[in-house]
Amino acid sequence: MALPWLLVALAQLYRMQLGGGMAVVRAVLAGMAALIWGSGMLTVVTLLNPVLTAERVAGPPVLNSLVPAYLVPGVVLLVSLRWLGHLPRLLKRGILGLGVAFVTLYAGLAIRHWFQGPYLNAPGTTQGELYTYTIALMATGAALLYQAIARRSAPLRRVAMTVIALTVAKVFLIDISGLSGLTRVFSFLALGLSLAGLAWLNRWAAGQQEGRS
């Protein structure tokens, strides 16, 4: 129900590049549609969030009712940036942030659905679920770092290293506490090798950017 209002808002934002006397009207229409969409999404994220309520997730893992609720709006926001280059930088960053937030929320809930079944408000988490979150975070950090290198973007590189730092903190504060013996040793070894490779890649990217500046 909320998605059509998002499409209306994005369409009006796109048409603002035509300029003229209608630009203000289009901006107002875009704001009104975005407000209606935002109120609907706020309900979906809070009152209808399956982690916070007894709402049942329908469908199989990955291809479930979480897709239209969170993934589709996030992808629409991210894809729309291709046609919204004329907007102010702050607004484009806001759209980007919202898109990433919804895609990330879907990924987290989809992982929990895989391990917990249709009711995500079940207490506790399994070890496999915790490790899957860690792998997903590490993969996200590596993907962001790759994009930062490809685009030669220092801000994106800092975001990537922040995600990796959060992953490391999660491993040391949460994941490792449930391991013992050789499993803990091998986990530390694998984490150390991964971080060493990412650190080298980060230094190389920083050197490349400094060489071009």
Protein backbone atom coordinates (compact mmCIF):
# COMPACT_ATOMS: atom_id res chain seq x y z
CA MET A 1 0.00 0.00 0.00
CA ALA A 2 2.89 2.36 0.68
CA LEU A 3 4.97 1.56 -2.41
CA PRO A 4 2.82 3.47 -4.96
CA TRP A 5 3.31 6.65 -2.94
CA LEU A 6 7.09 6.15 -3.12
CA LEU A 7 6.84 5.85 -6.90
CA VAL A 8 4.77 9.05 -7.04
CA ALA A 9 7.34 10.92 -4.95
CA LEU A 10 10.26 9.71 -7.08
CA ALA A 11 8.41 10.55 -10.30
CA GLN A 12 7.82 14.12 -9.11
CA LEU A 13 11.46 14.43 -8.06
CA TYR A 14 12.51 13.26 -11.51
CA ARG A 15 10.22 15.77 -13.23
CA MET A 16 11.64 18.64 -11.16
CA GLN A 17 14.57 18.81 -13.59
CA LEU A 18 12.16 20.26 -16.18
CA GLY A 19 12.22 23.49 -14.17
CA GLY A 20 9.74 26.25 -14.83
CA GLY A 21 6.91 27.43 -12.65
CA MET A 22 5.75 23.88 -11.92
CA ALA A 23 8.98 22.94 -10.14
CA VAL A 24 7.68 24.18 -6.80
CA VAL A 25 4.38 22.35 -7.27
CA ARG A 26 6.25 19.15 -8.10
CA ALA A 27 8.43 19.58 -5.02
CA VAL A 28 5.34 19.97 -2.83
CA LEU A 29 3.67 16.91 -4.39
CA ALA A 30 6.85 14.90 -3.92
CA GLY A 31 7.03 15.92 -0.27
CA MET A 32 3.40 15.00 0.37
CA ALA A 33 3.76 11.61 -1.33
CA ALA A 34 7.00 10.94 0.53
CA LEU A 35 5.31 11.78 3.83
CA ILE A 36 2.48 9.31 3.16
CA TRP A 37 4.98 6.64 2.11
CA GLY A 38 7.15 7.32 5.14
CA SER A 39 4.24 6.96 7.55
CA GLY A 40 3.37 3.62 5.98
CA MET A 41 6.95 2.37 6.13
CA LEU A 42 7.28 3.52 9.73
CA THR A 43 4.35 1.24 10.55
CA VAL A 44 5.95 -1.65 8.65
CA VAL A 45 9.28 -1.19 10.43
CA THR A 46 7.79 -0.87 13.93
CA LEU A 47 4.22 -2.06 14.51
CA LEU A 48 4.37 -4.76 11.80
CA ASN A 49 8.01 -5.76 12.21
CA PRO A 50 8.01 -9.57 12.67
CA VAL A 51 10.89 -9.37 15.14
CA LEU A 52 8.96 -7.00 17.42
CA THR A 53 5.52 -8.56 17.02
CA ALA A 54 3.91 -11.95 16.49
CA GLU A 55 3.50 -11.28 12.76
CA ARG A 56 4.10 -14.41 10.67
CA VAL A 57 6.51 -14.29 7.73
CA ALA A 58 4.85 -15.99 4.77
CA GLY A 59 6.66 -17.93 2.08
CA PRO A 60 9.97 -19.80 1.91
CA PRO A 61 13.28 -18.31 3.11
CA VAL A 62 14.63 -15.48 0.92
CA LEU A 63 11.54 -15.35 -1.35
CA ASN A 64 9.10 -14.43 1.39
CA SER A 65 6.77 -11.63 2.45
CA LEU A 66 9.78 -9.64 3.61
CA VAL A 67 10.64 -8.95 -0.04
CA PRO A 68 7.76 -6.54 -0.81
CA ALA A 69 7.90 -5.13 2.72
CA TYR A 70 11.60 -4.15 2.83
CA LEU A 71 13.67 -5.30 -0.15
CA VAL A 72 11.57 -3.81 -2.97
CA PRO A 73 11.40 -0.27 -1.46
CA GLY A 74 15.14 -0.38 -0.78
CA VAL A 75 16.00 -1.47 -4.32
CA VAL A 76 13.62 1.10 -5.81
CA LEU A 77 15.31 3.87 -3.84
CA LEU A 78 18.81 2.74 -4.84
CA VAL A 79 17.95 2.28 -8.52
CA SER A 80 16.14 5.63 -8.68
CA LEU A 81 19.39 7.49 -7.98
CA ARG A 82 20.43 6.75 -11.54
CA TRP A 83 17.80 9.26 -12.75
CA LEU A 84 17.99 11.74 -9.86
CA GLY A 85 21.42 13.20 -10.43
CA HIS A 86 19.97 16.72 -10.57
CA LEU A 87 18.88 16.66 -6.92
CA PRO A 88 20.90 18.33 -4.13
CA ARG A 89 23.68 16.15 -2.72
CA LEU A 90 22.13 15.99 0.75
CA LEU A 91 18.83 14.68 -0.64
CA LYS A 92 20.61 12.07 -2.76
CA ARG A 93 22.54 10.91 0.28
CA GLY A 94 19.28 10.62 2.21
CA ILE A 95 17.76 8.46 -0.55
CA LEU A 96 20.90 6.35 -0.64
CA GLY A 97 20.88 5.92 3.14
CA LEU A 98 17.23 4.87 3.20
CA GLY A 99 17.76 2.42 0.37
CA VAL A 100 20.74 0.81 2.07
CA ALA A 101 18.87 0.70 5.39
CA PHE A 102 15.87 -1.17 3.93
CA VAL A 103 18.04 -3.64 2.01
CA THR A 104 20.11 -4.26 5.13
CA LEU A 105 16.96 -4.75 7.22
CA TYR A 106 15.66 -7.27 4.71
CA ALA A 107 18.96 -9.18 4.74
CA GLY A 108 18.99 -9.38 8.54
CA LEU A 109 15.37 -10.50 8.76
CA ALA A 110 15.82 -12.99 5.91
CA ILE A 111 18.74 -14.62 7.76
CA ARG A 112 16.66 -14.86 10.91
CA HIS A 113 13.75 -16.32 8.93
CA TRP A 114 16.09 -18.99 7.56
CA PHE A 115 17.11 -20.13 11.04
CA GLN A 116 14.01 -19.36 13.13
CA GLY A 117 11.15 -20.16 10.77
CA PRO A 118 8.07 -17.99 10.16
CA TYR A 119 7.99 -16.41 13.64
CA LEU A 120 11.00 -14.13 14.06
CA ASN A 121 10.17 -12.98 17.60
CA ALA A 122 11.39 -16.28 19.04
CA PRO A 123 13.81 -15.70 21.94
CA GLY A 124 17.55 -16.11 21.45
CA THR A 125 19.70 -16.85 18.41
CA THR A 126 21.54 -19.95 17.24
CA GLN A 127 25.29 -20.13 16.64
CA GLY A 128 24.70 -20.65 12.93
CA GLU A 129 22.56 -17.52 12.80
CA LEU A 130 25.24 -15.47 14.55
CA TYR A 131 27.95 -16.70 12.18
CA THR A 132 25.76 -15.98 9.15
CA TYR A 133 25.33 -12.38 10.32
CA THR A 134 29.11 -12.13 10.64
CA ILE A 135 29.73 -13.52 7.16
CA ALA A 136 27.13 -11.17 5.70
CA LEU A 137 28.72 -8.16 7.42
CA MET A 138 32.21 -9.14 6.27
CA ALA A 139 30.98 -9.65 2.69
CA THR A 140 29.25 -6.26 2.81
CA GLY A 141 32.42 -4.56 4.01
CA ALA A 142 34.48 -6.23 1.30
CA ALA A 143 31.93 -5.26 -1.38
CA LEU A 144 31.90 -1.64 -0.19
CA LEU A 145 35.70 -1.58 -0.20
CA TYR A 146 35.73 -2.92 -3.75
CA GLN A 147 33.27 -0.22 -4.81
CA ALA A 148 35.38 2.41 -3.07
CA ILE A 149 38.44 1.29 -5.02
CA ALA A 150 36.52 1.12 -8.31
CA ARG A 151 35.04 4.60 -7.79
CA ARG A 152 38.15 6.01 -6.06
CA SER A 153 35.90 7.24 -3.26
CA ALA A 154 37.56 8.01 0.08
CA PRO A 155 34.20 8.46 1.94
CA LEU A 156 32.96 5.08 0.71
CA ARG A 157 36.26 3.51 1.76
CA ARG A 158 35.78 4.89 5.28
CA VAL A 159 32.25 3.47 5.36
CA ALA A 160 33.61 0.08 4.29
CA MET A 161 36.23 0.09 7.04
CA THR A 162 33.56 1.09 9.57
CA VAL A 163 31.46 -1.92 8.58
CA ILE A 164 34.52 -4.17 8.89
CA ALA A 165 35.34 -2.69 12.30
CA LEU A 166 31.78 -3.39 13.49
CA THR A 167 32.16 -6.96 12.22
CA VAL A 168 35.36 -7.42 14.21
CA ALA A 169 33.70 -6.02 17.34
CA LYS A 170 30.79 -8.43 16.89
CA VAL A 171 33.15 -11.38 16.54
CA PHE A 172 35.13 -10.55 19.68
CA LEU A 173 32.17 -9.52 21.83
CA ILE A 174 29.53 -12.06 20.75
CA ASP A 175 30.66 -14.86 18.45
CA ILE A 176 33.85 -15.99 20.18
CA SER A 177 32.15 -16.29 23.59
CA GLY A 178 30.33 -19.39 22.40
CA LEU A 179 33.45 -21.19 21.11
CA SER A 180 36.14 -23.18 22.84
CA GLY A 181 39.30 -25.15 22.11
CA LEU A 182 40.54 -25.56 18.56
CA THR A 183 37.35 -24.09 17.12
CA ARG A 184 38.14 -20.78 18.77
CA VAL A 185 41.76 -20.94 17.58
CA PHE A 186 40.79 -21.62 13.96
CA SER A 187 38.13 -18.88 14.12
CA PHE A 188 40.72 -16.35 15.30
CA LEU A 189 43.12 -17.53 12.60
CA ALA A 190 40.55 -17.18 9.82
CA LEU A 191 39.47 -13.76 11.10
CA GLY A 192 43.07 -12.61 11.35
CA LEU A 193 43.89 -13.68 7.79
CA SER A 194 40.74 -12.01 6.45
CA LEU A 195 41.49 -8.77 8.28
CA ALA A 196 45.12 -8.81 7.13
CA GLY A 197 43.99 -9.12 3.51
CA LEU A 198 41.41 -6.34 3.87
CA ALA A 199 43.93 -4.08 5.65
CA TRP A 200 46.43 -4.57 2.83
CA LEU A 201 43.71 -3.83 0.28
CA ASN A 202 42.72 -0.68 2.20
CA ARG A 203 46.33 0.57 2.32
CA TRP A 204 46.72 -0.14 -1.37
CA ALA A 205 43.52 1.78 -2.18
CA ALA A 206 44.63 4.73 -0.03
CA GLY A 207 47.98 4.77 -1.81
CA GLN A 208 46.31 4.71 -5.22
CA GLN A 209 44.06 7.64 -4.32
CA GLU A 210 46.96 9.67 -2.90
CA GLY A 211 48.98 8.98 -6.04
CA ARG A 212 46.23 10.39 -8.25
CA SER A 213 45.62 13.48 -6.07
